[in-house]
N, C-alpha and C. Protein backbone atom coordinates (compact mmCIF):
# COMPACT_ATOMS: atom_id res chain seq x y z
N MET A 1 1.00 -1.05 0.10
CA MET A 1 0.40 0.27 -0.02
C MET A 1 0.64 1.51 -0.11
N SER A 2 0.32 2.26 -0.68
CA SER A 2 1.46 3.24 -0.95
C SER A 2 0.90 4.57 0.21
N SER A 3 1.99 5.25 -0.05
CA SER A 3 0.90 6.46 0.98
C SER A 3 0.13 7.27 -0.04
N LEU A 4 -0.37 7.22 -1.21
CA LEU A 4 -1.38 7.84 -1.68
C LEU A 4 -2.53 7.00 -1.62
N ASP A 5 -2.41 5.69 -1.20
CA ASP A 5 -3.70 5.37 -0.39
C ASP A 5 -3.93 5.16 0.41
N LEU A 6 -3.29 5.86 1.77
CA LEU A 6 -3.73 6.03 2.76
C LEU A 6 -4.27 7.76 2.80
N THR A 7 -3.80 8.78 1.80
CA THR A 7 -4.57 9.90 2.04
C THR A 7 -5.97 10.11 1.05
N ARG A 8 -5.87 8.66 0.65
CA ARG A 8 -7.09 8.82 -0.50
C ARG A 8 -8.71 8.28 0.97
N ASP A 9 -9.71 8.92 0.50
CA ASP A 9 -11.00 8.97 1.18
C ASP A 9 -11.93 8.25 0.81
N ASP A 10 -11.78 7.78 -0.66
CA ASP A 10 -13.36 7.19 -1.29
C ASP A 10 -13.75 8.61 -1.64
N GLY A 11 -13.49 9.52 -2.01
CA GLY A 11 -14.31 10.73 -2.80
C GLY A 11 -14.67 11.60 -1.96
N ARG A 12 -15.01 11.11 -0.42
CA ARG A 12 -15.26 11.89 0.63
C ARG A 12 -14.56 13.16 1.43
N ASN A 13 -15.06 13.97 1.81
CA ASN A 13 -14.66 14.99 2.41
C ASN A 13 -13.93 15.09 3.66
N VAL A 14 -13.80 16.40 4.48
CA VAL A 14 -12.87 16.08 5.57
C VAL A 14 -14.16 15.31 6.41
N ALA A 15 -15.20 16.23 6.53
CA ALA A 15 -16.21 15.80 7.29
C ALA A 15 -17.41 14.43 7.12
N GLY A 16 -16.52 13.81 6.23
CA GLY A 16 -17.24 12.36 5.39
C GLY A 16 -18.67 12.66 4.98
N VAL A 17 -19.17 13.80 4.37
CA VAL A 17 -20.13 13.71 3.59
C VAL A 17 -19.38 14.02 2.24
N LEU A 18 -20.27 13.22 1.02
CA LEU A 18 -19.94 13.51 -0.28
C LEU A 18 -19.81 15.14 -0.90
N PRO A 19 -19.10 15.42 -1.74
CA PRO A 19 -18.96 16.42 -2.03
C PRO A 19 -21.09 16.69 -2.82
N GLU A 20 -21.31 15.55 -3.89
CA GLU A 20 -22.38 15.71 -4.58
C GLU A 20 -23.60 16.22 -3.75
N PHE A 21 -23.86 15.25 -2.73
CA PHE A 21 -24.54 15.76 -1.36
C PHE A 21 -25.04 17.33 -1.09
N ILE A 22 -23.75 17.79 -0.83
CA ILE A 22 -23.59 19.17 -0.67
C ILE A 22 -24.56 20.32 -1.33
N VAL A 23 -23.80 19.89 -3.05
CA VAL A 23 -24.44 20.46 -3.94
C VAL A 23 -25.60 20.45 -4.16
N LEU A 24 -26.15 18.88 -3.98
CA LEU A 24 -27.85 18.48 -3.96
C LEU A 24 -28.31 19.53 -3.19
N ALA A 25 -28.15 20.14 -1.76
CA ALA A 25 -28.58 20.54 -0.82
C ALA A 25 -28.83 22.00 -0.88
N VAL A 26 -27.27 22.59 -1.68
CA VAL A 26 -27.99 24.19 -1.66
C VAL A 26 -28.71 24.12 -3.20
N VAL A 27 -28.67 22.77 -4.07
CA VAL A 27 -29.50 23.25 -5.14
C VAL A 27 -31.02 23.63 -4.11
N ALA A 28 -31.36 22.09 -3.67
CA ALA A 28 -32.40 22.35 -3.23
C ALA A 28 -33.16 23.26 -2.25
N LEU A 29 -32.11 24.15 -1.29
CA LEU A 29 -32.19 25.22 -0.66
C LEU A 29 -32.73 26.52 -1.36
N VAL A 30 -31.94 26.21 -2.78
CA VAL A 30 -32.34 27.36 -4.11
C VAL A 30 -33.25 26.82 -4.47
N ILE A 31 -34.28 25.83 -4.67
CA ILE A 31 -35.59 25.81 -4.82
C ILE A 31 -36.50 26.03 -4.37
N ALA A 32 -36.19 25.48 -2.91
CA ALA A 32 -37.06 26.37 -1.88
C ALA A 32 -37.24 27.38 -1.88
N LEU A 33 -36.12 28.38 -1.56
CA LEU A 33 -36.70 29.67 -1.64
C LEU A 33 -37.02 30.37 -3.06
N ALA A 34 -36.67 29.84 -4.34
CA ALA A 34 -37.40 30.66 -4.90
C ALA A 34 -39.16 30.26 -5.12
N LEU A 35 -39.76 28.85 -4.58
CA LEU A 35 -40.93 28.34 -4.39
C LEU A 35 -41.51 29.57 -3.56
N ALA A 36 -40.49 29.80 -2.45
CA ALA A 36 -41.45 30.52 -1.41
C ALA A 36 -41.82 31.77 -2.10
N PHE A 37 -40.61 32.71 -2.87
CA PHE A 37 -40.96 33.66 -3.42
C PHE A 37 -41.98 33.61 -4.37
N ALA A 38 -42.38 32.47 -4.71
CA ALA A 38 -43.15 32.47 -6.08
C ALA A 38 -44.23 32.48 -5.29
N GLY A 39 -44.63 31.69 -4.19
CA GLY A 39 -45.99 31.42 -3.73
C GLY A 39 -46.05 32.74 -2.96
N GLY A 40 -45.52 33.24 -2.43
CA GLY A 40 -45.75 35.37 -1.90
C GLY A 40 -46.17 35.87 -2.82
N TYR A 41 -45.75 35.79 -4.10
CA TYR A 41 -46.05 36.66 -5.44
C TYR A 41 -47.28 36.17 -5.93
N VAL A 42 -47.62 34.95 -6.18
CA VAL A 42 -48.90 34.40 -6.15
C VAL A 42 -49.84 34.99 -5.26
N THR A 43 -49.95 34.99 -3.74
CA THR A 43 -50.41 35.19 -3.02
C THR A 43 -51.04 36.94 -3.08
N ARG A 44 -50.03 37.69 -2.97
CA ARG A 44 -50.01 39.04 -3.51
C ARG A 44 -51.06 39.43 -4.62
N ASP A 45 -51.04 38.35 -5.43
CA ASP A 45 -51.23 38.85 -6.82
C ASP A 45 -53.08 38.26 -6.87
N ILE A 46 -53.56 37.20 -5.85
CA ILE A 46 -54.69 36.89 -5.79
C ILE A 46 -55.35 37.91 -4.82
N VAL A 47 -54.66 38.38 -3.92
CA VAL A 47 -55.53 39.51 -3.20
C VAL A 47 -55.90 40.37 -4.01
N SER A 48 -54.58 41.23 -4.65
CA SER A 48 -55.02 42.39 -5.28
C SER A 48 -55.94 42.14 -6.22
N ARG A 49 -56.66 41.16 -7.01
CA ARG A 49 -57.37 41.10 -7.88
C ARG A 49 -58.61 40.91 -7.30
N LYS A 50 -58.69 40.88 -5.87
CA LYS A 50 -59.74 40.40 -5.23
C LYS A 50 -60.16 42.35 -4.69
N ARG A 51 -58.99 42.87 -4.27
CA ARG A 51 -59.63 44.12 -3.84
C ARG A 51 -59.90 45.05 -5.16
N ARG A 52 -58.94 45.02 -6.20
CA ARG A 52 -59.45 45.30 -7.16
C ARG A 52 -60.94 44.86 -7.75
N ALA A 53 -61.10 43.75 -7.83
CA ALA A 53 -62.81 43.64 -8.00
C ALA A 53 -63.87 44.41 -7.19
N GLU A 54 -63.78 44.24 -5.73
CA GLU A 54 -64.41 44.95 -4.85
C GLU A 54 -64.02 46.41 -5.39
N ALA A 55 -63.25 46.86 -5.31
CA ALA A 55 -63.28 48.52 -6.14
C ALA A 55 -63.92 48.75 -6.89
N ARG A 56 -64.03 47.73 -8.15
CA ARG A 56 -64.71 47.99 -9.08
C ARG A 56 -66.24 47.84 -9.23
N ARG A 57 -66.79 47.17 -8.31
CA ARG A 57 -68.08 46.77 -7.76
C ARG A 57 -68.41 47.91 -7.05
N TRP A 58 -67.47 48.40 -5.82
CA TRP A 58 -68.06 49.87 -5.38
C TRP A 58 -68.06 51.13 -6.36
N ARG A 59 -67.49 51.34 -7.50
CA ARG A 59 -67.18 52.88 -8.51
C ARG A 59 -68.61 52.60 -9.16
N GLU A 60 -69.66 51.63 -9.45
CA GLU A 60 -70.67 51.39 -10.29
C GLU A 60 -71.92 51.87 -8.61
N TYR A 61 -71.52 52.09 -7.52
CA TYR A 61 -72.32 52.06 -6.22
C TYR A 61 -72.62 54.04 -6.60
N SER A 62 -74.36 53.81 -6.87
CA SER A 62 -74.86 55.37 -6.99
C SER A 62 -74.67 55.44 -5.35
N GLU A 63 -74.79 56.82 -5.14
CA GLU A 63 -75.47 57.31 -3.70
C GLU A 63 -76.84 57.47 -3.45
N PRO A 64 -77.42 57.10 -2.76
CA PRO A 64 -79.16 57.58 -2.62
C PRO A 64 -79.38 58.78 -2.65
N GLY A 65 -80.50 59.35 -2.94
CA GLY A 65 -80.55 60.57 -2.59
C GLY A 65 -80.80 61.19 -1.26
N TRP A 66 -81.05 60.57 -0.13
CA TRP A 66 -81.40 60.89 1.21
C TRP A 66 -80.26 60.77 1.97
N LEU A 67 -79.10 60.24 1.38
CA LEU A 67 -77.74 60.09 1.91
C LEU A 67 -77.15 61.77 2.13
N ARG A 68 -77.32 62.30 0.42
CA ARG A 68 -76.60 63.27 0.20
C ARG A 68 -77.02 64.52 0.98
N ALA A 69 -75.67 65.14 1.75
CA ALA A 69 -76.33 66.52 2.55
C ALA A 69 -76.03 67.49 1.14
N SER A 70 -76.69 68.93 1.68
CA SER A 70 -77.25 69.54 0.82
C SER A 70 -75.83 70.77 0.51
N ALA A 71 -75.04 70.34 1.66
CA ALA A 71 -73.67 71.21 0.90
C ALA A 71 -72.45 70.21 1.73
N PRO A 72 -71.62 70.05 1.65
CA PRO A 72 -70.54 69.05 2.46
C PRO A 72 -70.44 69.48 3.76
N ALA A 73 -69.59 68.61 4.47
CA ALA A 73 -69.66 69.41 5.58
C ALA A 73 -68.74 69.63 6.29
N ASN A 74 -67.30 69.31 5.45
CA ASN A 74 -66.34 69.75 5.73
C ASN A 74 -65.25 70.00 4.22
N THR A 75 -65.12 71.18 3.73
CA THR A 75 -64.20 71.19 2.46
C THR A 75 -63.51 72.94 2.37
N ASN A 76 -62.45 72.55 2.10
CA ASN A 76 -61.55 73.72 2.12
C ASN A 76 -62.00 74.81 0.88
N GLU A 77 -63.51 74.85 0.34
CA GLU A 77 -63.67 75.77 -0.59
C GLU A 77 -64.47 76.59 -0.10
N ALA A 78 -64.55 77.60 -0.31
CA ALA A 78 -65.60 78.68 0.22
C ALA A 78 -66.73 78.70 -0.73
N ALA A 79 -67.74 79.27 -0.34
CA ALA A 79 -68.82 79.14 -1.31
C ALA A 79 -69.22 80.15 -2.08
N ASN A 80 -68.48 81.37 -1.96
CA ASN A 80 -68.28 82.52 -2.25
C ASN A 80 -67.04 82.92 -1.88
N THR A 81 -65.95 83.20 -2.62
CA THR A 81 -64.99 83.93 -2.03
C THR A 81 -64.73 85.42 -1.84
N ASN A 82 -65.44 86.28 -2.63
CA ASN A 82 -65.25 87.51 -2.38
C ASN A 82 -66.45 87.97 -0.94
N ALA A 83 -67.26 86.96 -0.72
CA ALA A 83 -68.29 87.42 0.28
C ALA A 83 -67.26 87.19 1.64
N ILE A 84 -67.44 88.19 2.59
CA ILE A 84 -66.93 87.88 3.93
C ILE A 84 -67.79 87.48 4.81
N ALA A 85 -67.53 86.44 5.10
CA ALA A 85 -67.94 85.62 6.32
C ALA A 85 -68.54 85.88 7.79
N ALA A 86 -70.07 85.86 7.88
CA ALA A 86 -70.98 86.55 9.15
C ALA A 86 -69.73 86.70 9.97
N VAL A 87 -70.06 87.08 11.48
CA VAL A 87 -69.01 88.12 12.25
C VAL A 87 -69.09 86.74 13.08
N ALA A 88 -68.23 85.66 13.53
CA ALA A 88 -68.44 84.66 14.57
C ALA A 88 -68.52 84.90 15.80
N THR A 89 -69.21 84.36 16.35
CA THR A 89 -69.40 84.57 18.04
C THR A 89 -68.96 83.55 18.56
N GLY A 90 -68.37 83.67 20.33
CA GLY A 90 -67.24 82.50 20.88
C GLY A 90 -65.96 82.84 20.54
N GLU A 91 -65.09 81.95 21.21
CA GLU A 91 -64.21 81.98 21.59
C GLU A 91 -63.55 81.16 20.39
N LEU A 92 -64.02 79.95 19.48
CA LEU A 92 -63.34 79.83 18.46
C LEU A 92 -63.80 80.12 17.53
N GLY A 93 -65.02 80.99 17.18
CA GLY A 93 -65.30 81.57 15.90
C GLY A 93 -64.64 82.70 15.91
N GLN A 94 -64.07 83.66 17.16
CA GLN A 94 -62.87 84.76 16.73
C GLN A 94 -61.53 83.95 16.67
N MET A 95 -61.43 82.90 17.08
CA MET A 95 -59.61 82.17 16.74
C MET A 95 -60.05 82.22 14.77
N LEU A 96 -61.18 81.21 14.54
CA LEU A 96 -61.32 80.85 13.14
C LEU A 96 -61.40 82.59 11.90
N ASP A 97 -62.10 83.52 13.00
CA ASP A 97 -62.36 84.84 12.14
C ASP A 97 -60.50 85.62 12.04
N ARG A 98 -59.90 85.45 12.98
CA ARG A 98 -58.36 86.00 12.95
C ARG A 98 -58.14 85.32 11.74
N TRP A 99 -57.72 84.16 11.93
CA TRP A 99 -57.25 83.05 11.10
C TRP A 99 -57.52 83.41 9.67
N GLU A 100 -58.73 83.15 9.68
CA GLU A 100 -58.96 84.00 7.51
C GLU A 100 -58.62 85.11 7.38
N SER A 101 -58.90 86.17 8.06
CA SER A 101 -58.28 87.14 8.01
C SER A 101 -56.45 87.35 7.80
N ARG A 102 -56.13 86.63 8.42
CA ARG A 102 -54.74 86.54 8.22
C ARG A 102 -54.36 85.87 7.03
N ALA A 103 -55.01 84.85 6.48
CA ALA A 103 -55.37 84.58 5.17
C ALA A 103 -55.32 85.19 4.02
N ARG A 104 -56.58 85.95 4.12
CA ARG A 104 -56.79 87.30 3.37
C ARG A 104 -55.83 87.99 2.83
N ALA A 105 -55.39 88.35 4.08
CA ALA A 105 -53.93 89.45 4.09
C ALA A 105 -52.99 88.62 3.34
N ARG A 106 -52.70 87.73 3.18
CA ARG A 106 -51.43 87.19 2.62
C ARG A 106 -51.62 86.68 1.26
N ARG A 107 -52.95 86.83 0.73
CA ARG A 107 -52.93 86.50 -0.26
C ARG A 107 -53.36 87.85 -1.19
N ALA A 108 -53.75 88.97 -0.61
CA ALA A 108 -53.84 90.21 -1.23
C ALA A 108 -52.53 90.70 -1.51
């Protein structure tokens, strides 16, 4: 028996695991990772399709007449920008009046 025969370990590495098995394990992990990403994208696509379908159904929804108020309660647009609002009473009204007059002064 020669010294070369003593150092040979039948194709095994130091840990005693075949190198082919390590390559197969890495390939299997990469495939599992790819399947997990694909599953996530498929799930996201399904949820998005359901959400878009529901949005399309709601877009065709018509508001009943009794639900609509005559004027919106919260709007940033004044009904008549040239008209000065009536003097507000109370602490909050006075504060809002000062705020509006300062805003008009900045615009002028």
